[in-house]
Amino acid sequence: MWMCAAFAVGCFCFAMSGFLALDSLATDAERELSRGYAWFWMFLAAVAAVFCVLSWMLKKSKFGELE
């Protein structure tokens, strides 16, 4: 569970650095590539966050008892 959270935070940091670097890029093509790169890392952060929440719910038995 903690590895999912750490991976989500790392992906989010990569995404934010990509979004924050958009103003410093020279051409529109570079900006578009950087924006796609940043959205990819944001997607990975979201997937990791979902798996983190699901693993926490499984650990705490939030889905009910298995028979």
PDB file of N, CA and C in Angstrom:
ATOM      1  N   MET A   1       0.820  -1.182   0.000  1.00  0.00           N
ATOM      2  CA  MET A   1       0.000   0.000   0.000  1.00  0.00           C
ATOM      3  C   MET A   1       0.871   1.257   0.000  1.00  0.00           C
ATOM      4  N   TRP A   2       1.910   1.264   0.806  1.00  0.00           N
ATOM      5  CA  TRP A   2       2.757   2.456   0.881  1.00  0.00           C
ATOM      6  C   TRP A   2       3.575   2.655  -0.389  1.00  0.00           C
ATOM      7  N   MET A   3       3.914   1.565  -1.050  1.00  0.00           N
ATOM      8  CA  MET A   3       4.653   1.697  -2.309  1.00  0.00           C
ATOM      9  C   MET A   3       3.766   2.324  -3.390  1.00  0.00           C
ATOM     10  N   CYS A   4       2.483   1.977  -3.390  1.00  0.00           N
ATOM     11  CA  CYS A   4       1.543   2.604  -4.337  1.00  0.00           C
ATOM     12  C   CYS A   4       1.458   4.107  -4.081  1.00  0.00           C
ATOM     13  N   ALA A   5       1.380   4.476  -2.803  1.00  0.00           N
ATOM     14  CA  ALA A   5       1.300   5.893  -2.462  1.00  0.00           C
ATOM     15  C   ALA A   5       2.581   6.630  -2.859  1.00  0.00           C
ATOM     16  N   ALA A   6       3.724   6.015  -2.613  1.00  0.00           N
ATOM     17  CA  ALA A   6       4.996   6.648  -2.988  1.00  0.00           C
ATOM     18  C   ALA A   6       5.115   6.775  -4.506  1.00  0.00           C
ATOM     19  N   PHE A   7       4.687   5.744  -5.223  1.00  0.00           N
ATOM     20  CA  PHE A   7       4.726   5.801  -6.682  1.00  0.00           C
ATOM     21  C   PHE A   7       3.778   6.874  -7.208  1.00  0.00           C
ATOM     22  N   ALA A   8       2.596   7.000  -6.596  1.00  0.00           N
ATOM     23  CA  ALA A   8       1.638   8.028  -7.014  1.00  0.00           C
ATOM     24  C   ALA A   8       2.208   9.427  -6.799  1.00  0.00           C
ATOM     25  N   VAL A   9       2.846   9.639  -5.659  1.00  0.00           N
ATOM     26  CA  VAL A   9       3.443  10.950  -5.383  1.00  0.00           C
ATOM     27  C   VAL A   9       4.586  11.245  -6.358  1.00  0.00           C
ATOM     28  N   GLY A  10       5.404  10.238  -6.644  1.00  0.00           N
ATOM     29  CA  GLY A  10       6.495  10.427  -7.604  1.00  0.00           C
ATOM     30  C   GLY A  10       5.973  10.758  -8.994  1.00  0.00           C
ATOM     31  N   CYS A  11       4.950  10.051  -9.431  1.00  0.00           N
ATOM     32  CA  CYS A  11       4.359  10.328 -10.751  1.00  0.00           C
ATOM     33  C   CYS A  11       3.750  11.720 -10.787  1.00  0.00           C
ATOM     34  N   PHE A  12       3.090  12.105  -9.696  1.00  0.00           N
ATOM     35  CA  PHE A  12       2.498  13.435  -9.632  1.00  0.00           C
ATOM     36  C   PHE A  12       3.571  14.516  -9.706  1.00  0.00           C
ATOM     37  N   CYS A  13       4.711  14.282  -9.064  1.00  0.00           N
ATOM     38  CA  CYS A  13       5.818  15.256  -9.130  1.00  0.00           C
ATOM     39  C   CYS A  13       6.375  15.380 -10.541  1.00  0.00           C
ATOM     40  N   PHE A  14       6.522  14.247 -11.243  1.00  0.00           N
ATOM     41  CA  PHE A  14       6.970  14.301 -12.629  1.00  0.00           C
ATOM     42  C   PHE A  14       5.971  15.065 -13.494  1.00  0.00           C
ATOM     43  N   ALA A  15       4.686  14.834 -13.264  1.00  0.00           N
ATOM     44  CA  ALA A  15       3.655  15.528 -14.035  1.00  0.00           C
ATOM     45  C   ALA A  15       3.700  17.028 -13.781  1.00  0.00           C
ATOM     46  N   MET A  16       3.833  17.413 -12.528  1.00  0.00           N
ATOM     47  CA  MET A  16       3.868  18.838 -12.215  1.00  0.00           C
ATOM     48  C   MET A  16       5.107  19.515 -12.793  1.00  0.00           C
ATOM     49  N   SER A  17       6.229  18.819 -12.786  1.00  0.00           N
ATOM     50  CA  SER A  17       7.428  19.424 -13.394  1.00  0.00           C
ATOM     51  C   SER A  17       7.237  19.588 -14.899  1.00  0.00           C
ATOM     52  N   GLY A  18       6.512  18.657 -15.520  1.00  0.00           N
ATOM     53  CA  GLY A  18       6.217  18.798 -16.944  1.00  0.00           C
ATOM     54  C   GLY A  18       5.291  19.960 -17.223  1.00  0.00           C
ATOM     55  N   PHE A  19       4.254  20.124 -16.394  1.00  0.00           N
ATOM     56  CA  PHE A  19       3.327  21.239 -16.586  1.00  0.00           C
ATOM     57  C   PHE A  19       3.990  22.582 -16.300  1.00  0.00           C
ATOM     58  N   LEU A  20       4.840  22.627 -15.296  1.00  0.00           N
ATOM     59  CA  LEU A  20       5.497  23.888 -14.945  1.00  0.00           C
ATOM     60  C   LEU A  20       6.571  24.297 -15.952  1.00  0.00           C
ATOM     61  N   ALA A  21       7.074  23.353 -16.735  1.00  0.00           N
ATOM     62  CA  ALA A  21       8.120  23.662 -17.708  1.00  0.00           C
ATOM     63  C   ALA A  21       7.550  24.121 -19.048  1.00  0.00           C
ATOM     64  N   LEU A  22       6.237  24.162 -19.190  1.00  0.00           N
ATOM     65  CA  LEU A  22       5.644  24.519 -20.481  1.00  0.00           C
ATOM     66  C   LEU A  22       5.997  25.937 -20.926  1.00  0.00           C
ATOM     67  N   ASP A  23       6.074  26.865 -19.993  1.00  0.00           N
ATOM     68  CA  ASP A  23       6.367  28.259 -20.358  1.00  0.00           C
ATOM     69  C   ASP A  23       7.787  28.454 -20.862  1.00  0.00           C
ATOM     70  N   SER A  24       8.693  27.599 -20.457  1.00  0.00           N
ATOM     71  CA  SER A  24      10.096  27.797 -20.831  1.00  0.00           C
ATOM     72  C   SER A  24      10.458  27.158 -22.170  1.00  0.00           C
ATOM     73  N   LEU A  25       9.548  26.419 -22.776  1.00  0.00           N
ATOM     74  CA  LEU A  25       9.844  25.754 -24.047  1.00  0.00           C
ATOM     75  C   LEU A  25       9.690  26.724 -25.214  1.00  0.00           C
ATOM     76  N   ALA A  26      10.508  26.521 -26.221  1.00  0.00           N
ATOM     77  CA  ALA A  26      10.591  27.488 -27.309  1.00  0.00           C
ATOM     78  C   ALA A  26       9.500  27.306 -28.361  1.00  0.00           C
ATOM     79  N   THR A  27       9.262  26.096 -28.792  1.00  0.00           N
ATOM     80  CA  THR A  27       8.340  25.898 -29.919  1.00  0.00           C
ATOM     81  C   THR A  27       7.039  25.250 -29.450  1.00  0.00           C
ATOM     82  N   ASP A  28       6.026  25.391 -30.293  1.00  0.00           N
ATOM     83  CA  ASP A  28       4.733  24.785 -29.987  1.00  0.00           C
ATOM     84  C   ASP A  28       4.805  23.267 -29.989  1.00  0.00           C
ATOM     85  N   ALA A  29       5.637  22.707 -30.839  1.00  0.00           N
ATOM     86  CA  ALA A  29       5.774  21.248 -30.903  1.00  0.00           C
ATOM     87  C   ALA A  29       6.358  20.702 -29.611  1.00  0.00           C
ATOM     88  N   GLU A  30       7.367  21.383 -29.066  1.00  0.00           N
ATOM     89  CA  GLU A  30       7.952  20.957 -27.796  1.00  0.00           C
ATOM     90  C   GLU A  30       6.949  21.081 -26.660  1.00  0.00           C
ATOM     91  N   ARG A  31       6.156  22.148 -26.668  1.00  0.00           N
ATOM     92  CA  ARG A  31       5.136  22.327 -25.647  1.00  0.00           C
ATOM     93  C   ARG A  31       4.085  21.228 -25.709  1.00  0.00           C
ATOM     94  N   GLU A  32       3.682  20.863 -26.913  1.00  0.00           N
ATOM     95  CA  GLU A  32       2.679  19.809 -27.075  1.00  0.00           C
ATOM     96  C   GLU A  32       3.214  18.458 -26.609  1.00  0.00           C
ATOM     97  N   LEU A  33       4.459  18.159 -26.932  1.00  0.00           N
ATOM     98  CA  LEU A  33       5.063  16.910 -26.457  1.00  0.00           C
ATOM     99  C   LEU A  33       5.191  16.889 -24.939  1.00  0.00           C
ATOM    100  N   SER A  34       5.588  18.003 -24.366  1.00  0.00           N
ATOM    101  CA  SER A  34       5.729  18.081 -22.915  1.00  0.00           C
ATOM    102  C   SER A  34       4.379  17.971 -22.226  1.00  0.00           C
ATOM    103  N   ARG A  35       3.357  18.556 -22.807  1.00  0.00           N
ATOM    104  CA  ARG A  35       2.013  18.457 -22.240  1.00  0.00           C
ATOM    105  C   ARG A  35       1.524  17.006 -22.269  1.00  0.00           C
ATOM    106  N   GLY A  36       1.769  16.288 -23.361  1.00  0.00           N
ATOM    107  CA  GLY A  36       1.394  14.883 -23.439  1.00  0.00           C
ATOM    108  C   GLY A  36       2.152  14.039 -22.430  1.00  0.00           C
ATOM    109  N   TYR A  37       3.413  14.316 -22.270  1.00  0.00           N
ATOM    110  CA  TYR A  37       4.253  13.628 -21.287  1.00  0.00           C
ATOM    111  C   TYR A  37       3.705  13.857 -19.874  1.00  0.00           C
ATOM    112  N   ALA A  38       3.346  15.096 -19.577  1.00  0.00           N
ATOM    113  CA  ALA A  38       2.844  15.427 -18.249  1.00  0.00           C
ATOM    114  C   ALA A  38       1.495  14.756 -17.985  1.00  0.00           C
ATOM    115  N   TRP A  39       0.619  14.746 -18.996  1.00  0.00           N
ATOM    116  CA  TRP A  39      -0.672  14.079 -18.808  1.00  0.00           C
ATOM    117  C   TRP A  39      -0.508  12.574 -18.645  1.00  0.00           C
ATOM    118  N   PHE A  40       0.480  11.960 -19.295  1.00  0.00           N
ATOM    119  CA  PHE A  40       0.751  10.539 -19.111  1.00  0.00           C
ATOM    120  C   PHE A  40       1.137  10.251 -17.669  1.00  0.00           C
ATOM    121  N   TRP A  41       2.030  11.078 -17.104  1.00  0.00           N
ATOM    122  CA  TRP A  41       2.444  10.872 -15.720  1.00  0.00           C
ATOM    123  C   TRP A  41       1.295  11.146 -14.751  1.00  0.00           C
ATOM    124  N   MET A  42       0.414  12.075 -15.089  1.00  0.00           N
ATOM    125  CA  MET A  42      -0.761  12.336 -14.259  1.00  0.00           C
ATOM    126  C   MET A  42      -1.698  11.124 -14.271  1.00  0.00           C
ATOM    127  N   PHE A  43      -1.835  10.491 -15.440  1.00  0.00           N
ATOM    128  CA  PHE A  43      -2.633   9.275 -15.549  1.00  0.00           C
ATOM    129  C   PHE A  43      -2.038   8.161 -14.682  1.00  0.00           C
ATOM    130  N   LEU A  44      -0.722   7.983 -14.741  1.00  0.00           N
ATOM    131  CA  LEU A  44      -0.083   6.965 -13.907  1.00  0.00           C
ATOM    132  C   LEU A  44      -0.275   7.256 -12.418  1.00  0.00           C
ATOM    133  N   ALA A  45      -0.229   8.524 -12.039  1.00  0.00           N
ATOM    134  CA  ALA A  45      -0.449   8.887 -10.636  1.00  0.00           C
ATOM    135  C   ALA A  45      -1.867   8.545 -10.217  1.00  0.00           C
ATOM    136  N   ALA A  46      -2.840   8.783 -11.085  1.00  0.00           N
ATOM    137  CA  ALA A  46      -4.231   8.467 -10.765  1.00  0.00           C
ATOM    138  C   ALA A  46      -4.435   6.967 -10.621  1.00  0.00           C
ATOM    139  N   VAL A  47      -3.845   6.183 -11.513  1.00  0.00           N
ATOM    140  CA  VAL A  47      -3.966   4.725 -11.430  1.00  0.00           C
ATOM    141  C   VAL A  47      -3.325   4.211 -10.146  1.00  0.00           C
ATOM    142  N   ALA A  48      -2.158   4.724  -9.810  1.00  0.00           N
ATOM    143  CA  ALA A  48      -1.486   4.296  -8.581  1.00  0.00           C
ATOM    144  C   ALA A  48      -2.293   4.696  -7.353  1.00  0.00           C
ATOM    145  N   ALA A  49      -2.915   5.858  -7.377  1.00  0.00           N
ATOM    146  CA  ALA A  49      -3.733   6.291  -6.243  1.00  0.00           C
ATOM    147  C   ALA A  49      -4.958   5.391  -6.078  1.00  0.00           C
ATOM    148  N   VAL A  50      -5.567   5.005  -7.188  1.00  0.00           N
ATOM    149  CA  VAL A  50      -6.724   4.103  -7.112  1.00  0.00           C
ATOM    150  C   VAL A  50      -6.308   2.759  -6.525  1.00  0.00           C
ATOM    151  N   PHE A  51      -5.198   2.217  -6.973  1.00  0.00           N
ATOM    152  CA  PHE A  51      -4.732   0.944  -6.429  1.00  0.00           C
ATOM    153  C   PHE A  51      -4.329   1.083  -4.961  1.00  0.00           C
ATOM    154  N   CYS A  52      -3.838   2.219  -4.570  1.00  0.00           N
ATOM    155  CA  CYS A  52      -3.497   2.452  -3.168  1.00  0.00           C
ATOM    156  C   CYS A  52      -4.761   2.421  -2.314  1.00  0.00           C
ATOM    157  N   VAL A  53      -5.809   3.091  -2.763  1.00  0.00           N
ATOM    158  CA  VAL A  53      -7.070   3.103  -2.014  1.00  0.00           C
ATOM    159  C   VAL A  53      -7.675   1.714  -1.971  1.00  0.00           C
ATOM    160  N   LEU A  54      -7.642   1.001  -3.090  1.00  0.00           N
ATOM    161  CA  LEU A  54      -8.194  -0.353  -3.106  1.00  0.00           C
ATOM    162  C   LEU A  54      -7.421  -1.292  -2.179  1.00  0.00           C
ATOM    163  N   SER A  55      -6.114  -1.192  -2.155  1.00  0.00           N
ATOM    164  CA  SER A  55      -5.335  -2.058  -1.264  1.00  0.00           C
ATOM    165  C   SER A  55      -5.578  -1.701   0.195  1.00  0.00           C
ATOM    166  N   TRP A  56      -5.780  -0.420   0.489  1.00  0.00           N
ATOM    167  CA  TRP A  56      -6.111  -0.027   1.849  1.00  0.00           C
ATOM    168  C   TRP A  56      -7.476  -0.591   2.250  1.00  0.00           C
ATOM    169  N   MET A  57      -8.446  -0.529   1.318  1.00  0.00           N
ATOM    170  CA  MET A  57      -9.776  -1.065   1.608  1.00  0.00           C
ATOM    171  C   MET A  57      -9.735  -2.578   1.809  1.00  0.00           C
ATOM    172  N   LEU A  58      -8.921  -3.263   1.039  1.00  0.00           N
ATOM    173  CA  LEU A  58      -8.785  -4.706   1.231  1.00  0.00           C
ATOM    174  C   LEU A  58      -8.141  -5.021   2.572  1.00  0.00           C
ATOM    175  N   LYS A  59      -7.150  -4.230   2.952  1.00  0.00           N
ATOM    176  CA  LYS A  59      -6.466  -4.444   4.222  1.00  0.00           C
ATOM    177  C   LYS A  59      -7.407  -4.240   5.405  1.00  0.00           C
ATOM    178  N   LYS A  60      -8.273  -3.249   5.323  1.00  0.00           N
ATOM    179  CA  LYS A  60      -9.200  -2.934   6.403  1.00  0.00           C
ATOM    180  C   LYS A  60     -10.518  -3.707   6.301  1.00  0.00           C
ATOM    181  N   SER A  61     -10.635  -4.605   5.338  1.00  0.00           N
ATOM    182  CA  SER A  61     -11.842  -5.422   5.116  1.00  0.00           C
ATOM    183  C   SER A  61     -13.083  -4.579   4.915  1.00  0.00           C
ATOM    184  N   LYS A  62     -12.972  -3.570   4.093  1.00  0.00           N
ATOM    185  CA  LYS A  62     -14.100  -2.688   3.804  1.00  0.00           C
ATOM    186  C   LYS A  62     -15.075  -3.285   2.796  1.00  0.00           C
ATOM    187  N   PHE A  63     -14.728  -4.404   2.183  1.00  0.00           N
ATOM    188  CA  PHE A  63     -15.586  -5.017   1.187  1.00  0.00           C
ATOM    189  C   PHE A  63     -16.496  -6.102   1.796  1.00  0.00           C
ATOM    190  N   GLY A  64     -16.491  -6.240   3.093  1.00  0.00           N
ATOM    191  CA  GLY A  64     -17.299  -7.268   3.739  1.00  0.00           C
ATOM    192  C   GLY A  64     -16.496  -8.543   3.923  1.00  0.00           C
ATOM    193  N   GLU A  65     -17.091  -9.478   4.623  1.00  0.00           N
ATOM    194  CA  GLU A  65     -16.397 -10.740   4.884  1.00  0.00           C
ATOM    195  C   GLU A  65     -16.537 -11.689   3.720  1.00  0.00           C
ATOM    196  N   LEU A  66     -15.463 -12.400   3.434  1.00  0.00           N
ATOM    197  CA  LEU A  66     -15.483 -13.417   2.388  1.00  0.00           C
ATOM    198  C   LEU A  66     -15.992 -14.728   2.968  1.00  0.00           C
ATOM    199  N   GLU A  67     -16.758 -15.441   2.202  1.00  0.00           N
ATOM    200  CA  GLU A  67     -17.290 -16.713   2.699  1.00  0.00           C
ATOM    201  C   GLU A  67     -16.638 -17.892   2.056  1.00  0.00           C
TER     202      GLU A  67
END
